[in-house]
């Protein structure tokens, strides 16, 4: 199956299936980037609150997206 056929098929999927596929593809892309994954794991595992981003700026940045 070529890429254009896949795109056509994906557009016909229900939104929930498209979201699931998009998240799976994002994770596959992140796995290929050897620089991003270690940084993500380090941030997730950081238990020191002084290194955490304050909630308000984080919440506001999400509104802008």
PDB file of N, CA and C in Angstrom:
ATOM      1  N   UNK A   1       0.855  -1.179   0.000  1.00  0.00           N
ATOM      2  CA  UNK A   1       0.000   0.000   0.000  1.00  0.00           C
ATOM      3  C   UNK A   1       0.900   1.240   0.000  1.00  0.00           C
ATOM      4  N   UNK A   2       0.597   2.190  -0.870  1.00  0.00           N
ATOM      5  CA  UNK A   2       1.403   3.396  -0.914  1.00  0.00           C
ATOM      6  C   UNK A   2       0.898   4.433   0.099  1.00  0.00           C
ATOM      7  N   UNK A   3       1.682   5.467   0.305  1.00  0.00           N
ATOM      8  CA  UNK A   3       1.381   6.472   1.328  1.00  0.00           C
ATOM      9  C   UNK A   3       0.051   7.174   1.071  1.00  0.00           C
ATOM     10  N   UNK A   4      -0.234   7.508  -0.161  1.00  0.00           N
ATOM     11  CA  UNK A   4      -1.498   8.207  -0.468  1.00  0.00           C
ATOM     12  C   UNK A   4      -2.703   7.324  -0.157  1.00  0.00           C
ATOM     13  N   UNK A   5      -2.599   6.040  -0.423  1.00  0.00           N
ATOM     14  CA  UNK A   5      -3.687   5.113  -0.089  1.00  0.00           C
ATOM     15  C   UNK A   5      -3.875   5.035   1.422  1.00  0.00           C
ATOM     16  N   UNK A   6      -2.759   5.000   2.145  1.00  0.00           N
ATOM     17  CA  UNK A   6      -2.847   4.987   3.612  1.00  0.00           C
ATOM     18  C   UNK A   6      -3.522   6.249   4.134  1.00  0.00           C
ATOM     19  N   UNK A   7      -3.143   7.391   3.598  1.00  0.00           N
ATOM     20  CA  UNK A   7      -3.745   8.660   4.032  1.00  0.00           C
ATOM     21  C   UNK A   7      -5.253   8.659   3.792  1.00  0.00           C
ATOM     22  N   UNK A   8      -5.649   8.158   2.632  1.00  0.00           N
ATOM     23  CA  UNK A   8      -7.079   8.088   2.307  1.00  0.00           C
ATOM     24  C   UNK A   8      -7.809   7.190   3.301  1.00  0.00           C
ATOM     25  N   UNK A   9      -7.222   6.049   3.600  1.00  0.00           N
ATOM     26  CA  UNK A   9      -7.835   5.123   4.554  1.00  0.00           C
ATOM     27  C   UNK A   9      -7.910   5.732   5.951  1.00  0.00           C
ATOM     28  N   UNK A  10      -6.862   6.420   6.353  1.00  0.00           N
ATOM     29  CA  UNK A  10      -6.825   7.023   7.683  1.00  0.00           C
ATOM     30  C   UNK A  10      -7.887   8.102   7.824  1.00  0.00           C
ATOM     31  N   UNK A  11      -8.104   8.875   6.775  1.00  0.00           N
ATOM     32  CA  UNK A  11      -9.133   9.931   6.823  1.00  0.00           C
ATOM     33  C   UNK A  11     -10.536   9.347   7.025  1.00  0.00           C
ATOM     34  N   UNK A  12     -10.720   8.096   6.663  1.00  0.00           N
ATOM     35  CA  UNK A  12     -12.028   7.458   6.789  1.00  0.00           C
ATOM     36  C   UNK A  12     -12.242   6.830   8.172  1.00  0.00           C
ATOM     37  N   UNK A  13     -11.187   6.785   8.975  1.00  0.00           N
ATOM     38  CA  UNK A  13     -11.308   6.213  10.322  1.00  0.00           C
ATOM     39  C   UNK A  13     -12.087   7.149  11.233  1.00  0.00           C
ATOM     40  N   UNK A  14     -12.736   6.609  12.265  1.00  0.00           N
ATOM     41  CA  UNK A  14     -13.395   7.459  13.261  1.00  0.00           C
ATOM     42  C   UNK A  14     -12.335   8.303  13.987  1.00  0.00           C
ATOM     43  N   UNK A  15     -12.722   9.474  14.497  1.00  0.00           N
ATOM     44  CA  UNK A  15     -11.769  10.353  15.177  1.00  0.00           C
ATOM     45  C   UNK A  15     -10.970   9.671  16.291  1.00  0.00           C
ATOM     46  N   UNK A  16     -11.605   8.816  17.061  1.00  0.00           N
ATOM     47  CA  UNK A  16     -10.888   8.147  18.156  1.00  0.00           C
ATOM     48  C   UNK A  16      -9.776   7.257  17.612  1.00  0.00           C
ATOM     49  N   UNK A  17     -10.034   6.568  16.495  1.00  0.00           N
ATOM     50  CA  UNK A  17      -9.008   5.724  15.882  1.00  0.00           C
ATOM     51  C   UNK A  17      -7.889   6.578  15.292  1.00  0.00           C
ATOM     52  N   UNK A  18      -8.245   7.713  14.698  1.00  0.00           N
ATOM     53  CA  UNK A  18      -7.225   8.627  14.172  1.00  0.00           C
ATOM     54  C   UNK A  18      -6.334   9.139  15.305  1.00  0.00           C
ATOM     55  N   UNK A  19      -6.944   9.470  16.441  1.00  0.00           N
ATOM     56  CA  UNK A  19      -6.166   9.941  17.589  1.00  0.00           C
ATOM     57  C   UNK A  19      -5.221   8.853  18.097  1.00  0.00           C
ATOM     58  N   UNK A  20      -5.717   7.638  18.163  1.00  0.00           N
ATOM     59  CA  UNK A  20      -4.891   6.512  18.610  1.00  0.00           C
ATOM     60  C   UNK A  20      -3.707   6.311  17.659  1.00  0.00           C
ATOM     61  N   UNK A  21      -3.970   6.359  16.378  1.00  0.00           N
ATOM     62  CA  UNK A  21      -2.919   6.199  15.380  1.00  0.00           C
ATOM     63  C   UNK A  21      -1.909   7.346  15.465  1.00  0.00           C
ATOM     64  N   UNK A  22      -2.400   8.563  15.641  1.00  0.00           N
ATOM     65  CA  UNK A  22      -1.503   9.718  15.741  1.00  0.00           C
ATOM     66  C   UNK A  22      -0.574   9.595  16.942  1.00  0.00           C
ATOM     67  N   UNK A  23      -1.106   9.138  18.064  1.00  0.00           N
ATOM     68  CA  UNK A  23      -0.257   8.990  19.255  1.00  0.00           C
ATOM     69  C   UNK A  23       0.769   7.882  19.055  1.00  0.00           C
ATOM     70  N   UNK A  24       0.378   6.799  18.398  1.00  0.00           N
ATOM     71  CA  UNK A  24       1.313   5.718  18.128  1.00  0.00           C
ATOM     72  C   UNK A  24       2.432   6.190  17.201  1.00  0.00           C
ATOM     73  N   UNK A  25       2.081   6.942  16.170  1.00  0.00           N
ATOM     74  CA  UNK A  25       3.092   7.454  15.241  1.00  0.00           C
ATOM     75  C   UNK A  25       4.029   8.448  15.923  1.00  0.00           C
ATOM     76  N   UNK A  26       3.483   9.278  16.801  1.00  0.00           N
ATOM     77  CA  UNK A  26       4.331  10.210  17.544  1.00  0.00           C
ATOM     78  C   UNK A  26       5.340   9.458  18.396  1.00  0.00           C
ATOM     79  N   UNK A  27       4.895   8.425  19.089  1.00  0.00           N
ATOM     80  CA  UNK A  27       5.813   7.648  19.920  1.00  0.00           C
ATOM     81  C   UNK A  27       6.886   6.972  19.072  1.00  0.00           C
ATOM     82  N   UNK A  28       6.521   6.474  17.913  1.00  0.00           N
ATOM     83  CA  UNK A  28       7.516   5.866  17.031  1.00  0.00           C
ATOM     84  C   UNK A  28       8.549   6.896  16.583  1.00  0.00           C
ATOM     85  N   UNK A  29       8.082   8.102  16.304  1.00  0.00           N
ATOM     86  CA  UNK A  29       9.013   9.166  15.892  1.00  0.00           C
ATOM     87  C   UNK A  29       9.930   9.558  17.039  1.00  0.00           C
ATOM     88  N   UNK A  30       9.378   9.664  18.237  1.00  0.00           N
ATOM     89  CA  UNK A  30      10.202  10.017  19.395  1.00  0.00           C
ATOM     90  C   UNK A  30      11.242   8.938  19.683  1.00  0.00           C
ATOM     91  N   UNK A  31      10.885   7.682  19.492  1.00  0.00           N
ATOM     92  CA  UNK A  31      11.837   6.594  19.719  1.00  0.00           C
ATOM     93  C   UNK A  31      13.035   6.692  18.768  1.00  0.00           C
ATOM     94  N   UNK A  32      12.794   7.204  17.563  1.00  0.00           N
ATOM     95  CA  UNK A  32      13.885   7.341  16.593  1.00  0.00           C
ATOM     96  C   UNK A  32      14.833   8.482  16.953  1.00  0.00           C
ATOM     97  N   UNK A  33      14.350   9.456  17.710  1.00  0.00           N
ATOM     98  CA  UNK A  33      15.183  10.599  18.079  1.00  0.00           C
ATOM     99  C   UNK A  33      15.881  10.280  19.398  1.00  0.00           C
ATOM    100  N   UNK A  34      17.143   9.935  19.339  1.00  0.00           N
ATOM    101  CA  UNK A  34      17.897   9.491  20.503  1.00  0.00           C
ATOM    102  C   UNK A  34      18.138  10.608  21.509  1.00  0.00           C
ATOM    103  N   UNK A  35      17.937  11.872  21.130  1.00  0.00           N
ATOM    104  CA  UNK A  35      18.175  12.985  22.048  1.00  0.00           C
ATOM    105  C   UNK A  35      16.949  13.314  22.891  1.00  0.00           C
ATOM    106  N   UNK A  36      15.761  13.113  22.349  1.00  0.00           N
ATOM    107  CA  UNK A  36      14.538  13.508  23.050  1.00  0.00           C
ATOM    108  C   UNK A  36      14.173  12.543  24.164  1.00  0.00           C
ATOM    109  N   UNK A  37      14.206  11.243  23.913  1.00  0.00           N
ATOM    110  CA  UNK A  37      13.724  10.276  24.896  1.00  0.00           C
ATOM    111  C   UNK A  37      14.482  10.346  26.225  1.00  0.00           C
ATOM    112  N   UNK A  38      15.819  10.398  26.235  1.00  0.00           N
ATOM    113  CA  UNK A  38      16.499  10.504  27.535  1.00  0.00           C
ATOM    114  C   UNK A  38      16.096  11.768  28.294  1.00  0.00           C
ATOM    115  N   UNK A  39      15.919  12.867  27.574  1.00  0.00           N
ATOM    116  CA  UNK A  39      15.513  14.114  28.233  1.00  0.00           C
ATOM    117  C   UNK A  39      14.109  13.986  28.818  1.00  0.00           C
ATOM    118  N   UNK A  40      13.206  13.340  28.079  1.00  0.00           N
ATOM    119  CA  UNK A  40      11.846  13.138  28.595  1.00  0.00           C
ATOM    120  C   UNK A  40      11.859  12.265  29.844  1.00  0.00           C
ATOM    121  N   UNK A  41      12.617  11.188  29.807  1.00  0.00           N
ATOM    122  CA  UNK A  41      12.691  10.303  30.967  1.00  0.00           C
ATOM    123  C   UNK A  41      13.296  11.021  32.171  1.00  0.00           C
ATOM    124  N   UNK A  42      14.303  11.823  31.932  1.00  0.00           N
ATOM    125  CA  UNK A  42      14.927  12.564  33.032  1.00  0.00           C
ATOM    126  C   UNK A  42      13.921  13.519  33.667  1.00  0.00           C
ATOM    127  N   UNK A  43      13.142  14.200  32.847  1.00  0.00           N
ATOM    128  CA  UNK A  43      12.147  15.146  33.384  1.00  0.00           C
ATOM    129  C   UNK A  43      11.046  14.409  34.146  1.00  0.00           C
ATOM    130  N   UNK A  44      10.611  13.278  33.632  1.00  0.00           N
ATOM    131  CA  UNK A  44       9.555  12.506  34.288  1.00  0.00           C
ATOM    132  C   UNK A  44      10.039  11.965  35.632  1.00  0.00           C
ATOM    133  N   UNK A  45      11.284  11.509  35.680  1.00  0.00           N
ATOM    134  CA  UNK A  45      11.833  10.896  36.894  1.00  0.00           C
ATOM    135  C   UNK A  45      12.322  11.905  37.926  1.00  0.00           C
ATOM    136  N   UNK A  46      12.359  13.188  37.581  1.00  0.00           N
ATOM    137  CA  UNK A  46      12.870  14.216  38.491  1.00  0.00           C
ATOM    138  C   UNK A  46      11.870  14.443  39.631  1.00  0.00           C
ATOM    139  N   UNK A  47      12.242  14.060  40.835  1.00  0.00           N
ATOM    140  CA  UNK A  47      11.338  14.188  41.981  1.00  0.00           C
ATOM    141  C   UNK A  47      11.587  15.474  42.781  1.00  0.00           C
ATOM    142  N   UNK A  48      12.478  16.329  42.313  1.00  0.00           N
ATOM    143  CA  UNK A  48      12.790  17.569  43.030  1.00  0.00           C
ATOM    144  C   UNK A  48      11.874  18.691  42.536  1.00  0.00           C
ATOM    145  N   UNK A  49      10.934  19.156  43.371  1.00  0.00           N
ATOM    146  CA  UNK A  49       9.974  20.174  42.943  1.00  0.00           C
ATOM    147  C   UNK A  49      10.618  21.473  42.445  1.00  0.00           C
ATOM    148  N   UNK A  50      11.821  21.790  42.895  1.00  0.00           N
ATOM    149  CA  UNK A  50      12.438  23.045  42.435  1.00  0.00           C
ATOM    150  C   UNK A  50      12.776  22.990  40.941  1.00  0.00           C
ATOM    151  N   UNK A  51      12.818  21.782  40.364  1.00  0.00           N
ATOM    152  CA  UNK A  51      13.101  21.638  38.934  1.00  0.00           C
ATOM    153  C   UNK A  51      11.834  21.551  38.083  1.00  0.00           C
ATOM    154  N   UNK A  52      10.690  21.564  38.722  1.00  0.00           N
ATOM    155  CA  UNK A  52       9.423  21.453  38.003  1.00  0.00           C
ATOM    156  C   UNK A  52       8.999  22.808  37.477  1.00  0.00           C
ATOM    157  N   UNK A  53       8.326  22.803  36.335  1.00  0.00           N
ATOM    158  CA  UNK A  53       7.776  24.039  35.793  1.00  0.00           C
ATOM    159  C   UNK A  53       6.536  24.410  36.602  1.00  0.00           C
ATOM    160  N   UNK A  54       6.426  25.679  37.009  1.00  0.00           N
ATOM    161  CA  UNK A  54       5.219  26.087  37.757  1.00  0.00           C
ATOM    162  C   UNK A  54       3.960  25.859  36.920  1.00  0.00           C
ATOM    163  N   UNK A  55       2.875  25.535  37.606  1.00  0.00           N
ATOM    164  CA  UNK A  55       1.637  25.171  36.925  1.00  0.00           C
ATOM    165  C   UNK A  55       1.076  26.306  36.072  1.00  0.00           C
ATOM    166  N   UNK A  56       1.030  27.511  36.581  1.00  0.00           N
ATOM    167  CA  UNK A  56       0.385  28.602  35.840  1.00  0.00           C
ATOM    168  C   UNK A  56       1.040  28.855  34.476  1.00  0.00           C
ATOM    169  N   UNK A  57       2.372  29.017  34.410  1.00  0.00           N
ATOM    170  CA  UNK A  57       2.961  29.205  33.075  1.00  0.00           C
ATOM    171  C   UNK A  57       2.722  28.005  32.155  1.00  0.00           C
ATOM    172  N   UNK A  58       2.747  26.824  32.723  1.00  0.00           N
ATOM    173  CA  UNK A  58       2.501  25.619  31.921  1.00  0.00           C
ATOM    174  C   UNK A  58       1.067  25.632  31.395  1.00  0.00           C
ATOM    175  N   UNK A  59       0.120  25.930  32.260  1.00  0.00           N
ATOM    176  CA  UNK A  59      -1.291  25.967  31.870  1.00  0.00           C
ATOM    177  C   UNK A  59      -1.510  27.032  30.792  1.00  0.00           C
ATOM    178  N   UNK A  60      -0.894  28.189  30.965  1.00  0.00           N
ATOM    179  CA  UNK A  60      -1.051  29.272  29.992  1.00  0.00           C
ATOM    180  C   UNK A  60      -0.440  28.911  28.640  1.00  0.00           C
ATOM    181  N   UNK A  61       0.666  28.179  28.661  1.00  0.00           N
ATOM    182  CA  UNK A  61       1.292  27.787  27.401  1.00  0.00           C
ATOM    183  C   UNK A  61       0.411  26.801  26.645  1.00  0.00           C
ATOM    184  N   UNK A  62      -0.339  25.987  27.370  1.00  0.00           N
ATOM    185  CA  UNK A  62      -1.242  25.037  26.719  1.00  0.00           C
ATOM    186  C   UNK A  62      -2.416  25.753  26.052  1.00  0.00           C
ATOM    187  N   UNK A  63      -2.840  26.868  26.624  1.00  0.00           N
ATOM    188  CA  UNK A  63      -3.942  27.646  26.029  1.00  0.00           C
ATOM    189  C   UNK A  63      -3.537  28.219  24.693  1.00  0.00           C
ATOM    190  N   UNK A  64      -2.251  28.535  24.526  1.00  0.00           N
ATOM    191  CA  UNK A  64      -1.757  29.163  23.301  1.00  0.00           C
ATOM    192  C   UNK A  64      -1.639  28.181  22.142  1.00  0.00           C
ATOM    193  N   UNK A  65      -1.677  26.891  22.429  1.00  0.00           N
ATOM    194  CA  UNK A  65      -1.478  25.894  21.365  1.00  0.00           C
ATOM    195  C   UNK A  65      -2.746  25.545  20.669  1.00  0.00           C
TER     196      UNK A  65
END
